[in-house]
Amino acid sequence: METQTTDGIGPINGTDGTGAADTGKGGPRTGLQLLAAVGLVGAVVAGLWGLSLLETSTKPAEKPAECAAAKPTDPPGYPALCAAVNRPDLPTLLGTPDDRVTAARPAPLALGKDPMVEVRLLHTVVGFTDSSTTVDDMIGMPQFHAAPATVLGHPAVTYSSNAFVLAPGAHTGPVTRNLVVAQDPKAPAGRAFEIAVFREDGRALDDATLNRLAETVLPTLPGWIAAP
């Protein structure tokens, strides 16, 4: 079974191999849960790629952009999340020290109420969310092919997806690389931080760079609990 999101982001597969929805309290969350799981990628990537909002290498940046002021409709956690992610060494952490931040703001087209921030550089888009989608949730959704991992002693998973393209008749967008890390090292079923990154050249970010970014930024985020 496939369902279509109301904002046209693209088809989203069902949460099991049969297309049946499990609504039991003890089973995997479906429907809205799946939307939440892809929400960061859709929010950070879909609008930017489909509406051609990604900055190009020809646009100059005099200095790194500051975080956009929060609007009344933005989740309360956005300002702190943006301040932590939009750091001076972000281009270096991404392996592109000559790059510059051109925008830092709440992720456009965001789904749900989780705080989400998008930081755009000339050649890369980085998204962070304080996510209600858990590590266990991702493992329980086989269509994401999430691979178990550990980050700073916290349960985590990595997965890849493609940017959704909003333009009529367009094909799949560039590859995004995603990392979901439990905020509490003892609670893989609790809230997580999710990172999603895609590059202008379409090449997936390597895991070593993704882990370096996570290991540097995650301990600075509100809600992070250091492993003993």
C-alpha atoms as a PDB file:
ATOM      1  CA  MET A   1       0.000   0.000   0.000  1.00  0.00           C
ATOM      2  CA  GLU A   2       1.148   3.509  -0.694  1.00  0.00           C
ATOM      3  CA  THR A   3      -0.192   6.719   0.721  1.00  0.00           C
ATOM      4  CA  GLN A   4       0.319  10.207  -0.636  1.00  0.00           C
ATOM      5  CA  THR A   5       1.158  13.049   1.679  1.00  0.00           C
ATOM      6  CA  THR A   6      -1.140  16.028   1.472  1.00  0.00           C
ATOM      7  CA  ASP A   7       1.693  18.423   0.658  1.00  0.00           C
ATOM      8  CA  GLY A   8       2.779  16.519  -2.458  1.00  0.00           C
ATOM      9  CA  ILE A   9       6.134  15.484  -1.072  1.00  0.00           C
ATOM     10  CA  GLY A  10       5.802  12.037  -2.584  1.00  0.00           C
ATOM     11  CA  PRO A  11       4.649   8.480  -2.078  1.00  0.00           C
ATOM     12  CA  ILE A  12       5.327   6.913   1.291  1.00  0.00           C
ATOM     13  CA  ASN A  13       5.345   3.165   1.615  1.00  0.00           C
ATOM     14  CA  GLY A  14       3.342   1.297   4.232  1.00  0.00           C
ATOM     15  CA  THR A  15       5.040   0.188   7.406  1.00  0.00           C
ATOM     16  CA  ASP A  16       5.062  -3.515   6.755  1.00  0.00           C
ATOM     17  CA  GLY A  17       5.593  -5.799   3.834  1.00  0.00           C
ATOM     18  CA  THR A  18       1.906  -6.516   3.430  1.00  0.00           C
ATOM     19  CA  GLY A  19       0.641  -2.959   3.500  1.00  0.00           C
ATOM     20  CA  ALA A  20      -1.479  -3.650   6.588  1.00  0.00           C
ATOM     21  CA  ALA A  21      -1.465  -1.027   9.310  1.00  0.00           C
ATOM     22  CA  ASP A  22      -0.767  -2.193  12.850  1.00  0.00           C
ATOM     23  CA  THR A  23      -2.768  -0.027  15.208  1.00  0.00           C
ATOM     24  CA  GLY A  24      -2.100  -1.961  18.386  1.00  0.00           C
ATOM     25  CA  LYS A  25      -0.398  -0.117  21.199  1.00  0.00           C
ATOM     26  CA  GLY A  26       2.350  -2.695  21.412  1.00  0.00           C
ATOM     27  CA  GLY A  27       3.071  -2.752  17.683  1.00  0.00           C
ATOM     28  CA  PRO A  28       5.037  -0.372  15.485  1.00  0.00           C
ATOM     29  CA  ARG A  29       3.588   3.061  14.951  1.00  0.00           C
ATOM     30  CA  THR A  30       2.248   3.517  11.444  1.00  0.00           C
ATOM     31  CA  GLY A  31       0.936   6.294   9.228  1.00  0.00           C
ATOM     32  CA  LEU A  32       1.849   9.411  11.187  1.00  0.00           C
ATOM     33  CA  GLN A  33       4.889   7.646  12.576  1.00  0.00           C
ATOM     34  CA  LEU A  34       6.175   6.964   9.100  1.00  0.00           C
ATOM     35  CA  LEU A  35       5.548  10.578   8.163  1.00  0.00           C
ATOM     36  CA  ALA A  36       7.563  11.618  11.195  1.00  0.00           C
ATOM     37  CA  ALA A  37      10.392   9.309  10.194  1.00  0.00           C
ATOM     38  CA  VAL A  38      10.693  10.873   6.756  1.00  0.00           C
ATOM     39  CA  GLY A  39       9.680  14.307   7.977  1.00  0.00           C
ATOM     40  CA  LEU A  40      13.201  15.643   8.329  1.00  0.00           C
ATOM     41  CA  VAL A  41      14.237  14.571   4.859  1.00  0.00           C
ATOM     42  CA  GLY A  42      11.007  15.912   3.383  1.00  0.00           C
ATOM     43  CA  ALA A  43      11.290  19.179   5.268  1.00  0.00           C
ATOM     44  CA  VAL A  44      14.945  19.846   4.606  1.00  0.00           C
ATOM     45  CA  VAL A  45      15.203  18.485   1.101  1.00  0.00           C
ATOM     46  CA  ALA A  46      11.885  18.371  -0.728  1.00  0.00           C
ATOM     47  CA  GLY A  47      11.100  22.036  -0.904  1.00  0.00           C
ATOM     48  CA  LEU A  48      14.691  23.042  -1.492  1.00  0.00           C
ATOM     49  CA  TRP A  49      15.277  20.643  -4.358  1.00  0.00           C
ATOM     50  CA  GLY A  50      11.862  20.766  -5.999  1.00  0.00           C
ATOM     51  CA  LEU A  51      11.531  24.533  -5.731  1.00  0.00           C
ATOM     52  CA  SER A  52      15.173  25.210  -6.657  1.00  0.00           C
ATOM     53  CA  LEU A  53      15.973  26.974  -3.393  1.00  0.00           C
ATOM     54  CA  LEU A  54      19.358  25.326  -2.915  1.00  0.00           C
ATOM     55  CA  GLU A  55      22.126  27.909  -3.003  1.00  0.00           C
ATOM     56  CA  THR A  56      24.540  27.494  -5.895  1.00  0.00           C
ATOM     57  CA  SER A  57      28.282  27.860  -5.817  1.00  0.00           C
ATOM     58  CA  THR A  58      28.038  31.077  -7.868  1.00  0.00           C
ATOM     59  CA  LYS A  59      26.213  33.022  -5.177  1.00  0.00           C
ATOM     60  CA  PRO A  60      28.668  34.874  -2.935  1.00  0.00           C
ATOM     61  CA  ALA A  61      28.447  34.805   0.830  1.00  0.00           C
ATOM     62  CA  GLU A  62      30.074  37.731   2.593  1.00  0.00           C
ATOM     63  CA  LYS A  63      29.765  36.169   6.032  1.00  0.00           C
ATOM     64  CA  PRO A  64      28.003  33.181   7.614  1.00  0.00           C
ATOM     65  CA  ALA A  65      24.284  33.708   8.130  1.00  0.00           C
ATOM     66  CA  GLU A  66      22.818  33.975  11.621  1.00  0.00           C
ATOM     67  CA  CYS A  67      19.842  31.932  12.770  1.00  0.00           C
ATOM     68  CA  ALA A  68      16.530  33.339  11.621  1.00  0.00           C
ATOM     69  CA  ALA A  69      14.362  34.646  14.427  1.00  0.00           C
ATOM     70  CA  ALA A  70      11.708  32.227  15.629  1.00  0.00           C
ATOM     71  CA  LYS A  71       8.118  32.870  14.600  1.00  0.00           C
ATOM     72  CA  PRO A  72       5.167  32.286  16.957  1.00  0.00           C
ATOM     73  CA  THR A  73       4.300  29.138  14.993  1.00  0.00           C
ATOM     74  CA  ASP A  74       7.774  27.599  15.345  1.00  0.00           C
ATOM     75  CA  PRO A  75       8.313  24.848  17.958  1.00  0.00           C
ATOM     76  CA  PRO A  76       9.758  26.224  21.226  1.00  0.00           C
ATOM     77  CA  GLY A  77      12.968  24.230  20.851  1.00  0.00           C
ATOM     78  CA  TYR A  78      13.973  25.792  17.509  1.00  0.00           C
ATOM     79  CA  PRO A  79      16.162  28.691  18.780  1.00  0.00           C
ATOM     80  CA  ALA A  80      18.399  26.507  20.956  1.00  0.00           C
ATOM     81  CA  LEU A  81      18.638  23.825  18.271  1.00  0.00           C
ATOM     82  CA  CYS A  82      19.589  26.326  15.591  1.00  0.00           C
ATOM     83  CA  ALA A  83      22.166  28.023  17.814  1.00  0.00           C
ATOM     84  CA  ALA A  84      23.847  24.677  18.492  1.00  0.00           C
ATOM     85  CA  VAL A  85      23.931  23.558  14.847  1.00  0.00           C
ATOM     86  CA  ASN A  86      24.838  26.872  13.207  1.00  0.00           C
ATOM     87  CA  ARG A  87      28.338  26.929  14.617  1.00  0.00           C
ATOM     88  CA  PRO A  88      31.426  28.601  13.100  1.00  0.00           C
ATOM     89  CA  ASP A  89      33.217  25.315  12.466  1.00  0.00           C
ATOM     90  CA  LEU A  90      30.287  23.630  10.678  1.00  0.00           C
ATOM     91  CA  PRO A  91      31.931  23.856   7.217  1.00  0.00           C
ATOM     92  CA  THR A  92      35.097  22.289   8.621  1.00  0.00           C
ATOM     93  CA  LEU A  93      33.126  19.493  10.268  1.00  0.00           C
ATOM     94  CA  LEU A  94      31.577  18.758   6.864  1.00  0.00           C
ATOM     95  CA  GLY A  95      35.023  18.592   5.250  1.00  0.00           C
ATOM     96  CA  THR A  96      34.492  21.817   3.277  1.00  0.00           C
ATOM     97  CA  PRO A  97      36.279  24.531   5.282  1.00  0.00           C
ATOM     98  CA  ASP A  98      35.947  27.126   2.514  1.00  0.00           C
ATOM     99  CA  ASP A  99      32.152  26.815   2.422  1.00  0.00           C
ATOM    100  CA  ARG A 100      29.843  29.318   4.110  1.00  0.00           C
ATOM    101  CA  VAL A 101      26.455  29.181   5.819  1.00  0.00           C
ATOM    102  CA  THR A 102      23.912  31.059   3.708  1.00  0.00           C
ATOM    103  CA  ALA A 103      20.763  30.380   5.742  1.00  0.00           C
ATOM    104  CA  ALA A 104      19.862  28.927   9.125  1.00  0.00           C
ATOM    105  CA  ARG A 105      16.167  28.651   9.903  1.00  0.00           C
ATOM    106  CA  PRO A 106      13.277  26.362  10.833  1.00  0.00           C
ATOM    107  CA  ALA A 107      13.033  23.650   8.203  1.00  0.00           C
ATOM    108  CA  PRO A 108      10.473  24.564   5.526  1.00  0.00           C
ATOM    109  CA  LEU A 109       7.638  22.131   4.801  1.00  0.00           C
ATOM    110  CA  ALA A 110       8.199  20.544   8.208  1.00  0.00           C
ATOM    111  CA  LEU A 111       5.862  17.765   9.291  1.00  0.00           C
ATOM    112  CA  GLY A 112       4.641  17.482  12.865  1.00  0.00           C
ATOM    113  CA  LYS A 113       5.665  19.537  15.892  1.00  0.00           C
ATOM    114  CA  ASP A 114       9.229  18.362  16.465  1.00  0.00           C
ATOM    115  CA  PRO A 115      11.792  21.216  16.501  1.00  0.00           C
ATOM    116  CA  MET A 116      13.634  21.132  13.180  1.00  0.00           C
ATOM    117  CA  VAL A 117      16.390  23.341  11.820  1.00  0.00           C
ATOM    118  CA  GLU A 118      17.858  23.607   8.337  1.00  0.00           C
ATOM    119  CA  VAL A 119      21.319  25.069   7.817  1.00  0.00           C
ATOM    120  CA  ARG A 120      22.195  25.724   4.189  1.00  0.00           C
ATOM    121  CA  LEU A 121      25.724  26.193   2.950  1.00  0.00           C
ATOM    122  CA  LEU A 122      26.797  26.980  -0.598  1.00  0.00           C
ATOM    123  CA  HIS A 123      27.245  23.301  -1.407  1.00  0.00           C
ATOM    124  CA  THR A 124      25.517  21.349   1.366  1.00  0.00           C
ATOM    125  CA  VAL A 125      22.236  21.251   3.288  1.00  0.00           C
ATOM    126  CA  VAL A 126      22.248  20.038   6.891  1.00  0.00           C
ATOM    127  CA  GLY A 127      19.125  19.304   8.903  1.00  0.00           C
ATOM    128  CA  PHE A 128      18.749  18.506  12.601  1.00  0.00           C
ATOM    129  CA  THR A 129      15.567  17.547  14.411  1.00  0.00           C
ATOM    130  CA  ASP A 130      14.713  16.859  18.028  1.00  0.00           C
ATOM    131  CA  SER A 131      12.675  13.858  16.985  1.00  0.00           C
ATOM    132  CA  SER A 132       9.822  11.851  18.407  1.00  0.00           C
ATOM    133  CA  THR A 133      10.840   9.118  15.949  1.00  0.00           C
ATOM    134  CA  THR A 134      13.031   6.740  17.940  1.00  0.00           C
ATOM    135  CA  VAL A 135      15.911   4.449  17.088  1.00  0.00           C
ATOM    136  CA  ASP A 136      13.641   1.476  17.759  1.00  0.00           C
ATOM    137  CA  ASP A 137      11.037   2.960  15.415  1.00  0.00           C
ATOM    138  CA  MET A 138      13.548   3.137  12.588  1.00  0.00           C
ATOM    139  CA  ILE A 139      14.707  -0.434  13.147  1.00  0.00           C
ATOM    140  CA  GLY A 140      11.072  -1.519  13.107  1.00  0.00           C
ATOM    141  CA  MET A 141      10.484  -0.029   9.644  1.00  0.00           C
ATOM    142  CA  PRO A 142      12.358  -2.303   7.221  1.00  0.00           C
ATOM    143  CA  GLN A 143      11.735  -0.113   4.187  1.00  0.00           C
ATOM    144  CA  PHE A 144      14.344   2.317   5.499  1.00  0.00           C
ATOM    145  CA  HIS A 145      17.051  -0.403   5.650  1.00  0.00           C
ATOM    146  CA  ALA A 146      18.380   1.269   8.796  1.00  0.00           C
ATOM    147  CA  ALA A 147      21.729  -0.094   9.976  1.00  0.00           C
ATOM    148  CA  PRO A 148      22.357  -0.224  13.754  1.00  0.00           C
ATOM    149  CA  ALA A 149      25.218   1.950  14.982  1.00  0.00           C
ATOM    150  CA  THR A 150      26.600   3.520  18.148  1.00  0.00           C
ATOM    151  CA  VAL A 151      27.464   7.194  18.618  1.00  0.00           C
ATOM    152  CA  LEU A 152      29.193   8.323  21.809  1.00  0.00           C
ATOM    153  CA  GLY A 153      27.802   5.249  23.575  1.00  0.00           C
ATOM    154  CA  HIS A 154      24.233   5.942  22.402  1.00  0.00           C
ATOM    155  CA  PRO A 155      22.117   3.555  20.284  1.00  0.00           C
ATOM    156  CA  ALA A 156      21.827   4.859  16.739  1.00  0.00           C
ATOM    157  CA  VAL A 157      20.938   3.904  13.179  1.00  0.00           C
ATOM    158  CA  THR A 158      22.043   5.159   9.797  1.00  0.00           C
ATOM    159  CA  TYR A 159      20.050   5.087   6.581  1.00  0.00           C
ATOM    160  CA  SER A 160      19.970   6.694   3.159  1.00  0.00           C
ATOM    161  CA  SER A 161      17.109   8.077   1.143  1.00  0.00           C
ATOM    162  CA  ASN A 162      16.546  10.270  -1.853  1.00  0.00           C
ATOM    163  CA  ALA A 163      15.313  13.816  -1.852  1.00  0.00           C
ATOM    164  CA  PHE A 164      11.715  14.108  -2.926  1.00  0.00           C
ATOM    165  CA  VAL A 165      11.176  16.291  -5.974  1.00  0.00           C
ATOM    166  CA  LEU A 166       8.117  18.518  -6.070  1.00  0.00           C
ATOM    167  CA  ALA A 167       8.388  19.626  -9.692  1.00  0.00           C
ATOM    168  CA  PRO A 168       5.861  17.839 -11.983  1.00  0.00           C
ATOM    169  CA  GLY A 169       7.484  15.076 -13.987  1.00  0.00           C
ATOM    170  CA  ALA A 170      10.776  15.373 -12.113  1.00  0.00           C
ATOM    171  CA  HIS A 171      12.776  12.356 -11.035  1.00  0.00           C
ATOM    172  CA  THR A 172      14.248  11.379  -7.692  1.00  0.00           C
ATOM    173  CA  GLY A 173      16.515  13.971  -6.145  1.00  0.00           C
ATOM    174  CA  PRO A 174      19.998  13.602  -4.630  1.00  0.00           C
ATOM    175  CA  VAL A 175      20.913  11.072  -1.975  1.00  0.00           C
ATOM    176  CA  THR A 176      20.560  12.120   1.650  1.00  0.00           C
ATOM    177  CA  ARG A 177      22.487  10.450   4.451  1.00  0.00           C
ATOM    178  CA  ASN A 178      20.685  10.194   7.767  1.00  0.00           C
ATOM    179  CA  LEU A 179      21.752   9.408  11.309  1.00  0.00           C
ATOM    180  CA  VAL A 180      19.274   8.879  14.163  1.00  0.00           C
ATOM    181  CA  VAL A 181      20.762   8.843  17.680  1.00  0.00           C
ATOM    182  CA  ALA A 182      18.929   8.206  20.961  1.00  0.00           C
ATOM    183  CA  GLN A 183      19.125  11.195  23.300  1.00  0.00           C
ATOM    184  CA  ASP A 184      19.375   8.905  26.337  1.00  0.00           C
ATOM    185  CA  PRO A 185      21.988   6.122  26.027  1.00  0.00           C
ATOM    186  CA  LYS A 186      19.676   3.791  27.953  1.00  0.00           C
ATOM    187  CA  ALA A 187      16.517   4.569  25.966  1.00  0.00           C
ATOM    188  CA  PRO A 188      16.563   3.475  22.310  1.00  0.00           C
ATOM    189  CA  ALA A 189      12.761   3.793  22.397  1.00  0.00           C
ATOM    190  CA  GLY A 190      12.934   7.388  23.631  1.00  0.00           C
ATOM    191  CA  ARG A 191      13.361  10.677  21.798  1.00  0.00           C
ATOM    192  CA  ALA A 192      16.225  10.938  19.350  1.00  0.00           C
ATOM    193  CA  PHE A 193      18.176  13.496  17.386  1.00  0.00           C
ATOM    194  CA  GLU A 194      18.155  13.006  13.633  1.00  0.00           C
ATOM    195  CA  ILE A 195      20.701  14.459  11.227  1.00  0.00           C
ATOM    196  CA  ALA A 196      20.096  14.576   7.475  1.00  0.00           C
ATOM    197  CA  VAL A 197      22.670  15.841   4.993  1.00  0.00           C
ATOM    198  CA  PHE A 198      22.730  16.162   1.235  1.00  0.00           C
ATOM    199  CA  ARG A 199      25.228  17.772  -1.108  1.00  0.00           C
ATOM    200  CA  GLU A 200      24.875  19.877  -4.214  1.00  0.00           C
ATOM    201  CA  ASP A 201      26.953  17.424  -6.249  1.00  0.00           C
ATOM    202  CA  GLY A 202      24.553  14.575  -5.395  1.00  0.00           C
ATOM    203  CA  ARG A 203      27.183  12.400  -3.686  1.00  0.00           C
ATOM    204  CA  ALA A 204      26.231  10.917  -0.336  1.00  0.00           C
ATOM    205  CA  LEU A 205      28.072  12.200   2.711  1.00  0.00           C
ATOM    206  CA  ASP A 206      30.504   9.578   4.002  1.00  0.00           C
ATOM    207  CA  ASP A 207      29.777   8.061   7.410  1.00  0.00           C
ATOM    208  CA  ALA A 208      33.080   9.203   8.918  1.00  0.00           C
ATOM    209  CA  THR A 209      32.136  12.827   8.254  1.00  0.00           C
ATOM    210  CA  LEU A 210      28.567  12.271   9.441  1.00  0.00           C
ATOM    211  CA  ASN A 211      29.831  10.727  12.683  1.00  0.00           C
ATOM    212  CA  ARG A 212      32.314  13.569  13.219  1.00  0.00           C
ATOM    213  CA  LEU A 213      29.473  16.049  12.838  1.00  0.00           C
ATOM    214  CA  ALA A 214      27.283  14.094  15.258  1.00  0.00           C
ATOM    215  CA  GLU A 215      29.978  13.597  17.882  1.00  0.00           C
ATOM    216  CA  THR A 216      30.758  17.311  17.903  1.00  0.00           C
ATOM    217  CA  VAL A 217      27.243  18.780  17.829  1.00  0.00           C
ATOM    218  CA  LEU A 218      25.074  16.301  19.739  1.00  0.00           C
ATOM    219  CA  PRO A 219      26.651  16.861  23.200  1.00  0.00           C
ATOM    220  CA  THR A 220      25.796  20.572  22.874  1.00  0.00           C
ATOM    221  CA  LEU A 221      22.075  20.000  22.271  1.00  0.00           C
ATOM    222  CA  PRO A 222      19.419  20.422  24.988  1.00  0.00           C
ATOM    223  CA  GLY A 223      18.106  16.983  25.985  1.00  0.00           C
ATOM    224  CA  TRP A 224      21.330  15.100  25.318  1.00  0.00           C
ATOM    225  CA  ILE A 225      22.309  12.743  28.160  1.00  0.00           C
ATOM    226  CA  ALA A 226      25.962  11.770  28.194  1.00  0.00           C
ATOM    227  CA  ALA A 227      26.755   8.062  28.391  1.00  0.00           C
ATOM    228  CA  PRO A 228      28.329   6.983  31.694  1.00  0.00           C
END
